Amino acid sequence: MEFVAKQMFKSKVSGVKDSLGFGDEKEEKKSGPSEEVLRKEKEKEDAQRAKREETRAKRHAEREVERDKVREKYGLKTKGESRSKGDERKSPTQQESRSDDDKGCCVM
């Protein structure tokens, strides 16, 4: 009878130790999620990221189409078609008259 009482007491004490975190170090359990759970979460996040990037690209393409429509409607040029900075400041007639002035020297 003494043996049964010892085993019962031992099992109750070990249950309390485990619940408080004072269990045997040999039977140490992993803390945190397992590798499989982490892998599944990473795959899920990657799928969500790919979906977001796809929708962003789609919205960007739609916006570009709208911009092109507005450019066409109002006769605007795209960035690649615009003139260089020096040409924007001077009209073509001003450039011609200036080149004529450069031929001779004017003294006051």
PDB file of N, CA and C in Angstrom:
ATOM      1  N   MET A   1       0.814  -1.179   0.000  1.00  0.00           N
ATOM      2  CA  MET A   1       0.000   0.000   0.000  1.00  0.00           C
ATOM      3  C   MET A   1       0.867   1.256   0.000  1.00  0.00           C
ATOM      4  N   GLU A   2       1.975   1.158   0.651  1.00  0.00           N
ATOM      5  CA  GLU A   2       2.892   2.285   0.733  1.00  0.00           C
ATOM      6  C   GLU A   2       3.397   2.667  -0.669  1.00  0.00           C
ATOM      7  N   PHE A   3       3.660   1.652  -1.512  1.00  0.00           N
ATOM      8  CA  PHE A   3       4.147   1.884  -2.861  1.00  0.00           C
ATOM      9  C   PHE A   3       3.105   2.634  -3.706  1.00  0.00           C
ATOM     10  N   VAL A   4       1.854   2.270  -3.572  1.00  0.00           N
ATOM     11  CA  VAL A   4       0.777   2.911  -4.323  1.00  0.00           C
ATOM     12  C   VAL A   4       0.644   4.370  -3.905  1.00  0.00           C
ATOM     13  N   ALA A   5       0.734   4.646  -2.623  1.00  0.00           N
ATOM     14  CA  ALA A   5       0.630   6.013  -2.117  1.00  0.00           C
ATOM     15  C   ALA A   5       1.791   6.850  -2.637  1.00  0.00           C
ATOM     16  N   LYS A   6       3.011   6.292  -2.653  1.00  0.00           N
ATOM     17  CA  LYS A   6       4.181   7.016  -3.161  1.00  0.00           C
ATOM     18  C   LYS A   6       4.003   7.368  -4.634  1.00  0.00           C
ATOM     19  N   GLN A   7       3.549   6.425  -5.438  1.00  0.00           N
ATOM     20  CA  GLN A   7       3.372   6.664  -6.866  1.00  0.00           C
ATOM     21  C   GLN A   7       2.299   7.721  -7.123  1.00  0.00           C
ATOM     22  N   MET A   8       1.225   7.680  -6.351  1.00  0.00           N
ATOM     23  CA  MET A   8       0.162   8.653  -6.517  1.00  0.00           C
ATOM     24  C   MET A   8       0.651  10.044  -6.146  1.00  0.00           C
ATOM     25  N   PHE A   9       1.372  10.162  -5.066  1.00  0.00           N
ATOM     26  CA  PHE A   9       1.927  11.445  -4.632  1.00  0.00           C
ATOM     27  C   PHE A   9       2.928  11.972  -5.664  1.00  0.00           C
ATOM     28  N   LYS A  10       3.774  11.075  -6.165  1.00  0.00           N
ATOM     29  CA  LYS A  10       4.797  11.455  -7.145  1.00  0.00           C
ATOM     30  C   LYS A  10       4.144  11.976  -8.433  1.00  0.00           C
ATOM     31  N   SER A  11       3.091  11.323  -8.883  1.00  0.00           N
ATOM     32  CA  SER A  11       2.441  11.763 -10.116  1.00  0.00           C
ATOM     33  C   SER A  11       1.764  13.121  -9.919  1.00  0.00           C
ATOM     34  N   LYS A  12       1.172  13.359  -8.742  1.00  0.00           N
ATOM     35  CA  LYS A  12       0.539  14.655  -8.480  1.00  0.00           C
ATOM     36  C   LYS A  12       1.586  15.767  -8.410  1.00  0.00           C
ATOM     37  N   VAL A  13       2.700  15.510  -7.754  1.00  0.00           N
ATOM     38  CA  VAL A  13       3.762  16.514  -7.634  1.00  0.00           C
ATOM     39  C   VAL A  13       4.363  16.809  -9.017  1.00  0.00           C
ATOM     40  N   SER A  14       4.586  15.796  -9.817  1.00  0.00           N
ATOM     41  CA  SER A  14       5.162  16.026 -11.148  1.00  0.00           C
ATOM     42  C   SER A  14       4.180  16.800 -12.034  1.00  0.00           C
ATOM     43  N   GLY A  15       2.876  16.554 -11.858  1.00  0.00           N
ATOM     44  CA  GLY A  15       1.866  17.308 -12.615  1.00  0.00           C
ATOM     45  C   GLY A  15       1.892  18.784 -12.245  1.00  0.00           C
ATOM     46  N   VAL A  16       2.059  19.084 -10.984  1.00  0.00           N
ATOM     47  CA  VAL A  16       2.127  20.474 -10.517  1.00  0.00           C
ATOM     48  C   VAL A  16       3.409  21.112 -11.024  1.00  0.00           C
ATOM     49  N   LYS A  17       4.524  20.384 -10.977  1.00  0.00           N
ATOM     50  CA  LYS A  17       5.806  20.918 -11.476  1.00  0.00           C
ATOM     51  C   LYS A  17       5.719  21.254 -12.952  1.00  0.00           C
ATOM     52  N   ASP A  18       5.101  20.356 -13.716  1.00  0.00           N
ATOM     53  CA  ASP A  18       4.959  20.595 -15.153  1.00  0.00           C
ATOM     54  C   ASP A  18       4.095  21.819 -15.426  1.00  0.00           C
ATOM     55  N   SER A  19       3.019  21.969 -14.675  1.00  0.00           N
ATOM     56  CA  SER A  19       2.131  23.111 -14.918  1.00  0.00           C
ATOM     57  C   SER A  19       2.792  24.433 -14.535  1.00  0.00           C
ATOM     58  N   LEU A  20       3.736  24.403 -13.587  1.00  0.00           N
ATOM     59  CA  LEU A  20       4.455  25.613 -13.190  1.00  0.00           C
ATOM     60  C   LEU A  20       5.711  25.850 -14.020  1.00  0.00           C
ATOM     61  N   GLY A  21       6.080  24.882 -14.820  1.00  0.00           N
ATOM     62  CA  GLY A  21       7.254  25.038 -15.667  1.00  0.00           C
ATOM     63  C   GLY A  21       8.530  24.534 -15.045  1.00  0.00           C
ATOM     64  N   PHE A  22       8.421  23.723 -14.002  1.00  0.00           N
ATOM     65  CA  PHE A  22       9.602  23.179 -13.350  1.00  0.00           C
ATOM     66  C   PHE A  22       9.785  21.706 -13.693  1.00  0.00           C
ATOM     67  N   GLY A  23       9.398  21.306 -14.885  1.00  0.00           N
ATOM     68  CA  GLY A  23       9.484  19.908 -15.294  1.00  0.00           C
ATOM     69  C   GLY A  23      10.922  19.500 -15.517  1.00  0.00           C
ATOM     70  N   ASP A  24      11.114  18.224 -15.787  1.00  0.00           N
ATOM     71  CA  ASP A  24      12.455  17.719 -16.055  1.00  0.00           C
ATOM     72  C   ASP A  24      13.002  18.359 -17.324  1.00  0.00           C
ATOM     73  N   GLU A  25      14.295  18.654 -17.311  1.00  0.00           N
ATOM     74  CA  GLU A  25      14.924  19.266 -18.480  1.00  0.00           C
ATOM     75  C   GLU A  25      15.059  18.256 -19.611  1.00  0.00           C
ATOM     76  N   LYS A  26      15.085  16.995 -19.296  1.00  0.00           N
ATOM     77  CA  LYS A  26      15.198  15.970 -20.315  1.00  0.00           C
ATOM     78  C   LYS A  26      13.951  15.946 -21.193  1.00  0.00           C
ATOM     79  N   GLU A  27      12.828  16.201 -20.600  1.00  0.00           N
ATOM     80  CA  GLU A  27      11.559  16.174 -21.320  1.00  0.00           C
ATOM     81  C   GLU A  27      11.149  17.588 -21.739  1.00  0.00           C
ATOM     82  N   GLU A  28      12.105  18.419 -22.004  1.00  0.00           N
ATOM     83  CA  GLU A  28      11.828  19.813 -22.353  1.00  0.00           C
ATOM     84  C   GLU A  28      11.080  19.879 -23.680  1.00  0.00           C
ATOM     85  N   LYS A  29      10.006  20.596 -23.677  1.00  0.00           N
ATOM     86  CA  LYS A  29       9.202  20.735 -24.877  1.00  0.00           C
ATOM     87  C   LYS A  29       9.631  21.989 -25.624  1.00  0.00           C
ATOM     88  N   LYS A  30       9.438  21.954 -26.944  1.00  0.00           N
ATOM     89  CA  LYS A  30       9.748  23.126 -27.756  1.00  0.00           C
ATOM     90  C   LYS A  30       8.742  24.226 -27.455  1.00  0.00           C
ATOM     91  N   SER A  31       9.259  25.426 -27.353  1.00  0.00           N
ATOM     92  CA  SER A  31       8.352  26.550 -27.199  1.00  0.00           C
ATOM     93  C   SER A  31       8.156  27.182 -28.568  1.00  0.00           C
ATOM     94  N   GLY A  32       6.986  27.656 -28.847  1.00  0.00           N
ATOM     95  CA  GLY A  32       6.705  28.281 -30.126  1.00  0.00           C
ATOM     96  C   GLY A  32       6.163  27.277 -31.130  1.00  0.00           C
ATOM     97  N   PRO A  33       5.786  27.780 -32.289  1.00  0.00           N
ATOM     98  CA  PRO A  33       5.196  26.907 -33.301  1.00  0.00           C
ATOM     99  C   PRO A  33       6.238  26.004 -33.962  1.00  0.00           C
ATOM    100  N   SER A  34       5.766  24.918 -34.499  1.00  0.00           N
ATOM    101  CA  SER A  34       6.664  23.965 -35.150  1.00  0.00           C
ATOM    102  C   SER A  34       7.094  24.493 -36.513  1.00  0.00           C
ATOM    103  N   GLU A  35       8.051  23.801 -37.103  1.00  0.00           N
ATOM    104  CA  GLU A  35       8.583  24.218 -38.399  1.00  0.00           C
ATOM    105  C   GLU A  35       7.521  24.140 -39.489  1.00  0.00           C
ATOM    106  N   GLU A  36       6.679  23.138 -39.416  1.00  0.00           N
ATOM    107  CA  GLU A  36       5.635  22.976 -40.429  1.00  0.00           C
ATOM    108  C   GLU A  36       4.641  24.135 -40.380  1.00  0.00           C
ATOM    109  N   VAL A  37       4.275  24.547 -39.180  1.00  0.00           N
ATOM    110  CA  VAL A  37       3.351  25.671 -39.026  1.00  0.00           C
ATOM    111  C   VAL A  37       3.995  26.952 -39.543  1.00  0.00           C
ATOM    112  N   LEU A  38       5.265  27.147 -39.237  1.00  0.00           N
ATOM    113  CA  LEU A  38       5.975  28.332 -39.716  1.00  0.00           C
ATOM    114  C   LEU A  38       6.061  28.342 -41.241  1.00  0.00           C
ATOM    115  N   ARG A  39       6.312  27.179 -41.829  1.00  0.00           N
ATOM    116  CA  ARG A  39       6.405  27.073 -43.283  1.00  0.00           C
ATOM    117  C   ARG A  39       5.067  27.415 -43.933  1.00  0.00           C
ATOM    118  N   LYS A  40       3.977  26.895 -43.356  1.00  0.00           N
ATOM    119  CA  LYS A  40       2.649  27.170 -43.904  1.00  0.00           C
ATOM    120  C   LYS A  40       2.317  28.662 -43.802  1.00  0.00           C
ATOM    121  N   GLU A  41       2.664  29.280 -42.681  1.00  0.00           N
ATOM    122  CA  GLU A  41       2.415  30.710 -42.509  1.00  0.00           C
ATOM    123  C   GLU A  41       3.216  31.524 -43.520  1.00  0.00           C
ATOM    124  N   LYS A  42       4.462  31.122 -43.746  1.00  0.00           N
ATOM    125  CA  LYS A  42       5.301  31.834 -44.716  1.00  0.00           C
ATOM    126  C   LYS A  42       4.725  31.709 -46.125  1.00  0.00           C
ATOM    127  N   GLU A  43       4.259  30.513 -46.490  1.00  0.00           N
ATOM    128  CA  GLU A  43       3.640  30.319 -47.804  1.00  0.00           C
ATOM    129  C   GLU A  43       2.394  31.177 -47.944  1.00  0.00           C
ATOM    130  N   LYS A  44       1.607  31.245 -46.874  1.00  0.00           N
ATOM    131  CA  LYS A  44       0.387  32.046 -46.892  1.00  0.00           C
ATOM    132  C   LYS A  44       0.723  33.530 -47.069  1.00  0.00           C
ATOM    133  N   GLU A  45       1.733  34.009 -46.347  1.00  0.00           N
ATOM    134  CA  GLU A  45       2.154  35.405 -46.468  1.00  0.00           C
ATOM    135  C   GLU A  45       2.687  35.698 -47.864  1.00  0.00           C
ATOM    136  N   ASP A  46       3.456  34.762 -48.417  1.00  0.00           N
ATOM    137  CA  ASP A  46       3.985  34.947 -49.777  1.00  0.00           C
ATOM    138  C   ASP A  46       2.855  35.023 -50.803  1.00  0.00           C
ATOM    139  N   ALA A  47       1.843  34.194 -50.626  1.00  0.00           N
ATOM    140  CA  ALA A  47       0.707  34.211 -51.544  1.00  0.00           C
ATOM    141  C   ALA A  47      -0.043  35.541 -51.430  1.00  0.00           C
ATOM    142  N   GLN A  48      -0.222  36.022 -50.211  1.00  0.00           N
ATOM    143  CA  GLN A  48      -0.900  37.304 -50.014  1.00  0.00           C
ATOM    144  C   GLN A  48      -0.083  38.437 -50.618  1.00  0.00           C
ATOM    145  N   ARG A  49       1.233  38.408 -50.450  1.00  0.00           N
ATOM    146  CA  ARG A  49       2.104  39.446 -50.994  1.00  0.00           C
ATOM    147  C   ARG A  49       2.037  39.448 -52.521  1.00  0.00           C
ATOM    148  N   ALA A  50       2.052  38.259 -53.121  1.00  0.00           N
ATOM    149  CA  ALA A  50       1.972  38.159 -54.579  1.00  0.00           C
ATOM    150  C   ALA A  50       0.636  38.700 -55.080  1.00  0.00           C
ATOM    151  N   LYS A  51      -0.423  38.409 -54.357  1.00  0.00           N
ATOM    152  CA  LYS A  51      -1.745  38.907 -54.743  1.00  0.00           C
ATOM    153  C   LYS A  51      -1.795  40.428 -54.653  1.00  0.00           C
ATOM    154  N   ARG A  52      -1.226  40.996 -53.593  1.00  0.00           N
ATOM    155  CA  ARG A  52      -1.188  42.462 -53.444  1.00  0.00           C
ATOM    156  C   ARG A  52      -0.386  43.098 -54.569  1.00  0.00           C
ATOM    157  N   GLU A  53       0.762  42.534 -54.898  1.00  0.00           N
ATOM    158  CA  GLU A  53       1.596  43.072 -55.971  1.00  0.00           C
ATOM    159  C   GLU A  53       0.871  42.995 -57.315  1.00  0.00           C
ATOM    160  N   GLU A  54       0.128  41.925 -57.520  1.00  0.00           N
ATOM    161  CA  GLU A  54      -0.624  41.773 -58.758  1.00  0.00           C
ATOM    162  C   GLU A  54      -1.706  42.843 -58.863  1.00  0.00           C
ATOM    163  N   THR A  55      -2.436  43.074 -57.784  1.00  0.00           N
ATOM    164  CA  THR A  55      -3.484  44.094 -57.817  1.00  0.00           C
ATOM    165  C   THR A  55      -2.879  45.489 -57.971  1.00  0.00           C
ATOM    166  N   ARG A  56      -1.741  45.740 -57.345  1.00  0.00           N
ATOM    167  CA  ARG A  56      -1.075  47.033 -57.503  1.00  0.00           C
ATOM    168  C   ARG A  56      -0.647  47.251 -58.949  1.00  0.00           C
ATOM    169  N   ALA A  57      -0.101  46.230 -59.566  1.00  0.00           N
ATOM    170  CA  ALA A  57       0.324  46.338 -60.961  1.00  0.00           C
ATOM    171  C   ALA A  57      -0.881  46.583 -61.868  1.00  0.00           C
ATOM    172  N   LYS A  58      -1.977  45.914 -61.571  1.00  0.00           N
ATOM    173  CA  LYS A  58      -3.189  46.096 -62.367  1.00  0.00           C
ATOM    174  C   LYS A  58      -3.704  47.527 -62.232  1.00  0.00           C
ATOM    175  N   ARG A  59      -3.756  48.043 -60.995  1.00  0.00           N
ATOM    176  CA  ARG A  59      -4.198  49.425 -60.778  1.00  0.00           C
ATOM    177  C   ARG A  59      -3.267  50.418 -61.456  1.00  0.00           C
ATOM    178  N   HIS A  60      -1.969  50.155 -61.414  1.00  0.00           N
ATOM    179  CA  HIS A  60      -0.995  51.042 -62.045  1.00  0.00           C
ATOM    180  C   HIS A  60      -1.225  51.085 -63.560  1.00  0.00           C
ATOM    181  N   ALA A  61      -1.474  49.933 -64.157  1.00  0.00           N
ATOM    182  CA  ALA A  61      -1.723  49.871 -65.600  1.00  0.00           C
ATOM    183  C   ALA A  61      -3.003  50.632 -65.946  1.00  0.00           C
ATOM    184  N   GLU A  62      -4.045  50.480 -65.119  1.00  0.00           N
ATOM    185  CA  GLU A  62      -5.299  51.204 -65.362  1.00  0.00           C
ATOM    186  C   GLU A  62      -5.081  52.706 -65.273  1.00  0.00           C
ATOM    187  N   ARG A  63      -4.307  53.140 -64.290  1.00  0.00           N
ATOM    188  CA  ARG A  63      -4.019  54.571 -64.148  1.00  0.00           C
ATOM    189  C   ARG A  63      -3.237  55.100 -65.344  1.00  0.00           C
ATOM    190  N   GLU A  64      -2.315  54.303 -65.833  1.00  0.00           N
ATOM    191  CA  GLU A  64      -1.514  54.725 -66.980  1.00  0.00           C
ATOM    192  C   GLU A  64      -2.397  54.877 -68.216  1.00  0.00           C
ATOM    193  N   VAL A  65      -3.365  53.989 -68.373  1.00  0.00           N
ATOM    194  CA  VAL A  65      -4.301  54.098 -69.497  1.00  0.00           C
ATOM    195  C   VAL A  65      -5.096  55.397 -69.375  1.00  0.00           C
ATOM    196  N   GLU A  66      -5.566  55.695 -68.173  1.00  0.00           N
ATOM    197  CA  GLU A  66      -6.309  56.940 -67.960  1.00  0.00           C
ATOM    198  C   GLU A  66      -5.428  58.158 -68.235  1.00  0.00           C
ATOM    199  N   ARG A  67      -4.183  58.110 -67.816  1.00  0.00           N
ATOM    200  CA  ARG A  67      -3.266  59.229 -68.080  1.00  0.00           C
ATOM    201  C   ARG A  67      -3.072  59.418 -69.581  1.00  0.00           C
ATOM    202  N   ASP A  68      -2.921  58.320 -70.298  1.00  0.00           N
ATOM    203  CA  ASP A  68      -2.747  58.396 -71.746  1.00  0.00           C
ATOM    204  C   ASP A  68      -3.973  59.001 -72.415  1.00  0.00           C
ATOM    205  N   LYS A  69      -5.169  58.647 -71.925  1.00  0.00           N
ATOM    206  CA  LYS A  69      -6.405  59.218 -72.471  1.00  0.00           C
ATOM    207  C   LYS A  69      -6.431  60.735 -72.275  1.00  0.00           C
ATOM    208  N   VAL A  70      -6.044  61.185 -71.076  1.00  0.00           N
ATOM    209  CA  VAL A  70      -6.031  62.615 -70.788  1.00  0.00           C
ATOM    210  C   VAL A  70      -4.984  63.311 -71.652  1.00  0.00           C
ATOM    211  N   ARG A  71      -3.809  62.720 -71.793  1.00  0.00           N
ATOM    212  CA  ARG A  71      -2.762  63.301 -72.638  1.00  0.00           C
ATOM    213  C   ARG A  71      -3.240  63.438 -74.083  1.00  0.00           C
ATOM    214  N   GLU A  72      -3.905  62.415 -74.565  1.00  0.00           N
ATOM    215  CA  GLU A  72      -4.398  62.434 -75.936  1.00  0.00           C
ATOM    216  C   GLU A  72      -5.501  63.476 -76.101  1.00  0.00           C
ATOM    217  N   LYS A  73      -6.380  63.564 -75.111  1.00  0.00           N
ATOM    218  CA  LYS A  73      -7.505  64.494 -75.175  1.00  0.00           C
ATOM    219  C   LYS A  73      -7.024  65.943 -75.230  1.00  0.00           C
ATOM    220  N   TYR A  74      -6.041  66.283 -74.410  1.00  0.00           N
ATOM    221  CA  TYR A  74      -5.574  67.663 -74.323  1.00  0.00           C
ATOM    222  C   TYR A  74      -4.297  67.931 -75.117  1.00  0.00           C
ATOM    223  N   GLY A  75      -3.823  66.944 -75.841  1.00  0.00           N
ATOM    224  CA  GLY A  75      -2.654  67.133 -76.687  1.00  0.00           C
ATOM    225  C   GLY A  75      -1.367  67.298 -75.902  1.00  0.00           C
ATOM    226  N   LEU A  76      -1.274  66.692 -74.764  1.00  0.00           N
ATOM    227  CA  LEU A  76      -0.062  66.771 -73.944  1.00  0.00           C
ATOM    228  C   LEU A  76       0.937  65.726 -74.409  1.00  0.00           C
ATOM    229  N   LYS A  77       2.185  66.017 -74.167  1.00  0.00           N
ATOM    230  CA  LYS A  77       3.239  65.074 -74.537  1.00  0.00           C
ATOM    231  C   LYS A  77       3.682  64.300 -73.309  1.00  0.00           C
ATOM    232  N   THR A  78       4.154  63.091 -73.539  1.00  0.00           N
ATOM    233  CA  THR A  78       4.674  62.286 -72.439  1.00  0.00           C
ATOM    234  C   THR A  78       6.057  62.796 -72.056  1.00  0.00           C
ATOM    235  N   LYS A  79       6.592  62.316 -70.998  1.00  0.00           N
ATOM    236  CA  LYS A  79       7.903  62.763 -70.531  1.00  0.00           C
ATOM    237  C   LYS A  79       8.980  62.537 -71.582  1.00  0.00           C
ATOM    238  N   GLY A  80       8.926  61.448 -72.285  1.00  0.00           N
ATOM    239  CA  GLY A  80       9.918  61.126 -73.298  1.00  0.00           C
ATOM    240  C   GLY A  80       9.823  62.022 -74.522  1.00  0.00           C
ATOM    241  N   GLU A  81       8.638  62.557 -74.786  1.00  0.00           N
ATOM    242  CA  GLU A  81       8.429  63.391 -75.964  1.00  0.00           C
ATOM    243  C   GLU A  81       8.685  64.865 -75.706  1.00  0.00           C
ATOM    244  N   SER A  82       8.834  65.269 -74.451  1.00  0.00           N
ATOM    245  CA  SER A  82       9.005  66.691 -74.153  1.00  0.00           C
ATOM    246  C   SER A  82      10.363  67.175 -74.638  1.00  0.00           C
ATOM    247  N   ARG A  83      10.452  68.490 -74.848  1.00  0.00           N
ATOM    248  CA  ARG A  83      11.701  69.076 -75.339  1.00  0.00           C
ATOM    249  C   ARG A  83      12.725  69.160 -74.210  1.00  0.00           C
ATOM    250  N   SER A  84      13.971  69.402 -74.579  1.00  0.00           N
ATOM    251  CA  SER A  84      15.008  69.555 -73.564  1.00  0.00           C
ATOM    252  C   SER A  84      14.783  70.875 -72.826  1.00  0.00           C
ATOM    253  N   LYS A  85      15.402  71.051 -71.662  1.00  0.00           N
ATOM    254  CA  LYS A  85      15.175  72.225 -70.825  1.00  0.00           C
ATOM    255  C   LYS A  85      15.582  73.520 -71.520  1.00  0.00           C
ATOM    256  N   GLY A  86      16.662  73.505 -72.269  1.00  0.00           N
ATOM    257  CA  GLY A  86      17.127  74.710 -72.944  1.00  0.00           C
ATOM    258  C   GLY A  86      16.162  75.152 -74.029  1.00  0.00           C
ATOM    259  N   ASP A  87      15.554  74.208 -74.703  1.00  0.00           N
ATOM    260  CA  ASP A  87      14.637  74.531 -75.783  1.00  0.00           C
ATOM    261  C   ASP A  87      13.314  75.061 -75.251  1.00  0.00           C
ATOM    262  N   GLU A  88      12.919  74.666 -74.046  1.00  0.00           N
ATOM    263  CA  GLU A  88      11.644  75.115 -73.497  1.00  0.00           C
ATOM    264  C   GLU A  88      11.680  76.597 -73.149  1.00  0.00           C
ATOM    265  N   ARG A  89      12.811  77.115 -72.768  1.00  0.00           N
ATOM    266  CA  ARG A  89      12.900  78.505 -72.328  1.00  0.00           C
ATOM    267  C   ARG A  89      12.772  79.483 -73.485  1.00  0.00           C
ATOM    268  N   LYS A  90      13.224  79.090 -74.660  1.00  0.00           N
ATOM    269  CA  LYS A  90      13.262  80.002 -75.801  1.00  0.00           C
ATOM    270  C   LYS A  90      12.364  79.488 -76.907  1.00  0.00           C
ATOM    271  N   SER A  91      11.662  80.390 -77.516  1.00  0.00           N
ATOM    272  CA  SER A  91      10.851  79.998 -78.660  1.00  0.00           C
ATOM    273  C   SER A  91      11.768  79.848 -79.871  1.00  0.00           C
ATOM    274  N   PRO A  92      11.343  79.165 -80.896  1.00  0.00           N
ATOM    275  CA  PRO A  92      12.195  78.979 -82.079  1.00  0.00           C
ATOM    276  C   PRO A  92      12.582  80.304 -82.739  1.00  0.00           C
ATOM    277  N   THR A  93      11.713  81.296 -82.726  1.00  0.00           N
ATOM    278  CA  THR A  93      12.053  82.588 -83.344  1.00  0.00           C
ATOM    279  C   THR A  93      13.134  83.298 -82.556  1.00  0.00           C
ATOM    280  N   GLN A  94      13.102  83.166 -81.240  1.00  0.00           N
ATOM    281  CA  GLN A  94      14.141  83.789 -80.417  1.00  0.00           C
ATOM    282  C   GLN A  94      15.485  83.120 -80.672  1.00  0.00           C
ATOM    283  N   GLN A  95      15.487  81.809 -80.879  1.00  0.00           N
ATOM    284  CA  GLN A  95      16.745  81.106 -81.140  1.00  0.00           C
ATOM    285  C   GLN A  95      17.345  81.560 -82.463  1.00  0.00           C
ATOM    286  N   GLU A  96      16.519  81.757 -83.500  1.00  0.00           N
ATOM    287  CA  GLU A  96      17.012  82.182 -84.802  1.00  0.00           C
ATOM    288  C   GLU A  96      17.567  83.596 -84.747  1.00  0.00           C
ATOM    289  N   SER A  97      16.843  84.507 -84.074  1.00  0.00           N
ATOM    290  CA  SER A  97      17.295  85.894 -84.018  1.00  0.00           C
ATOM    291  C   SER A  97      18.588  86.000 -83.225  1.00  0.00           C
ATOM    292  N   ARG A  98      18.737  85.226 -82.237  1.00  0.00           N
ATOM    293  CA  ARG A  98      19.954  85.274 -81.430  1.00  0.00           C
ATOM    294  C   ARG A  98      21.136  84.754 -82.245  1.00  0.00           C
ATOM    295  N   SER A  99      20.916  83.695 -83.014  1.00  0.00           N
ATOM    296  CA  SER A  99      22.021  83.179 -83.828  1.00  0.00           C
ATOM    297  C   SER A  99      22.442  84.206 -84.875  1.00  0.00           C
ATOM    298  N   ASP A 100      21.502  85.031 -85.389  1.00  0.00           N
ATOM    299  CA  ASP A 100      21.854  86.090 -86.309  1.00  0.00           C
ATOM    300  C   ASP A 100      22.688  87.163 -85.610  1.00  0.00           C
ATOM    301  N   ASP A 101      22.349  87.457 -84.351  1.00  0.00           N
ATOM    302  CA  ASP A 101      23.088  88.476 -83.608  1.00  0.00           C
ATOM    303  C   ASP A 101      24.499  88.031 -83.284  1.00  0.00           C
ATOM    304  N   ASP A 102      24.706  86.785 -83.126  1.00  0.00           N
ATOM    305  CA  ASP A 102      26.010  86.281 -82.776  1.00  0.00           C
ATOM    306  C   ASP A 102      27.005  86.387 -83.942  1.00  0.00           C
ATOM    307  N   LYS A 103      26.518  86.586 -85.134  1.00  0.00           N
ATOM    308  CA  LYS A 103      27.401  86.658 -86.297  1.00  0.00           C
ATOM    309  C   LYS A 103      28.246  87.925 -86.279  1.00  0.00           C
ATOM    310  N   GLY A 104      27.662  88.988 -85.860  1.00  0.00           N
ATOM    311  CA  GLY A 104      28.408  90.254 -85.843  1.00  0.00           C
ATOM    312  C   GLY A 104      28.544  90.768 -84.436  1.00  0.00           C
ATOM    313  N   CYS A 105      29.429  91.732 -84.286  1.00  0.00           N
ATOM    314  CA  CYS A 105      29.670  92.316 -82.983  1.00  0.00           C
ATOM    315  C   CYS A 105      28.965  93.668 -82.936  1.00  0.00           C
ATOM    316  N   CYS A 106      28.249  93.894 -81.881  1.00  0.00           N
ATOM    317  CA  CYS A 106      27.573  95.175 -81.717  1.00  0.00           C
ATOM    318  C   CYS A 106      28.293  95.972 -80.642  1.00  0.00           C
ATOM    319  N   VAL A 107      28.682  97.209 -81.001  1.00  0.00           N
ATOM    320  CA  VAL A 107      29.337  98.063 -80.038  1.00  0.00           C
ATOM    321  C   VAL A 107      28.441  99.257 -79.809  1.00  0.00           C
ATOM    322  N   MET A 108      28.278  99.657 -78.599  1.00  0.00           N
ATOM    323  CA  MET A 108      27.415 100.796 -78.296  1.00  0.00           C
ATOM    324  C   MET A 108      28.122 102.088 -78.515  1.00  0.00           C
TER     325      MET A 108
END
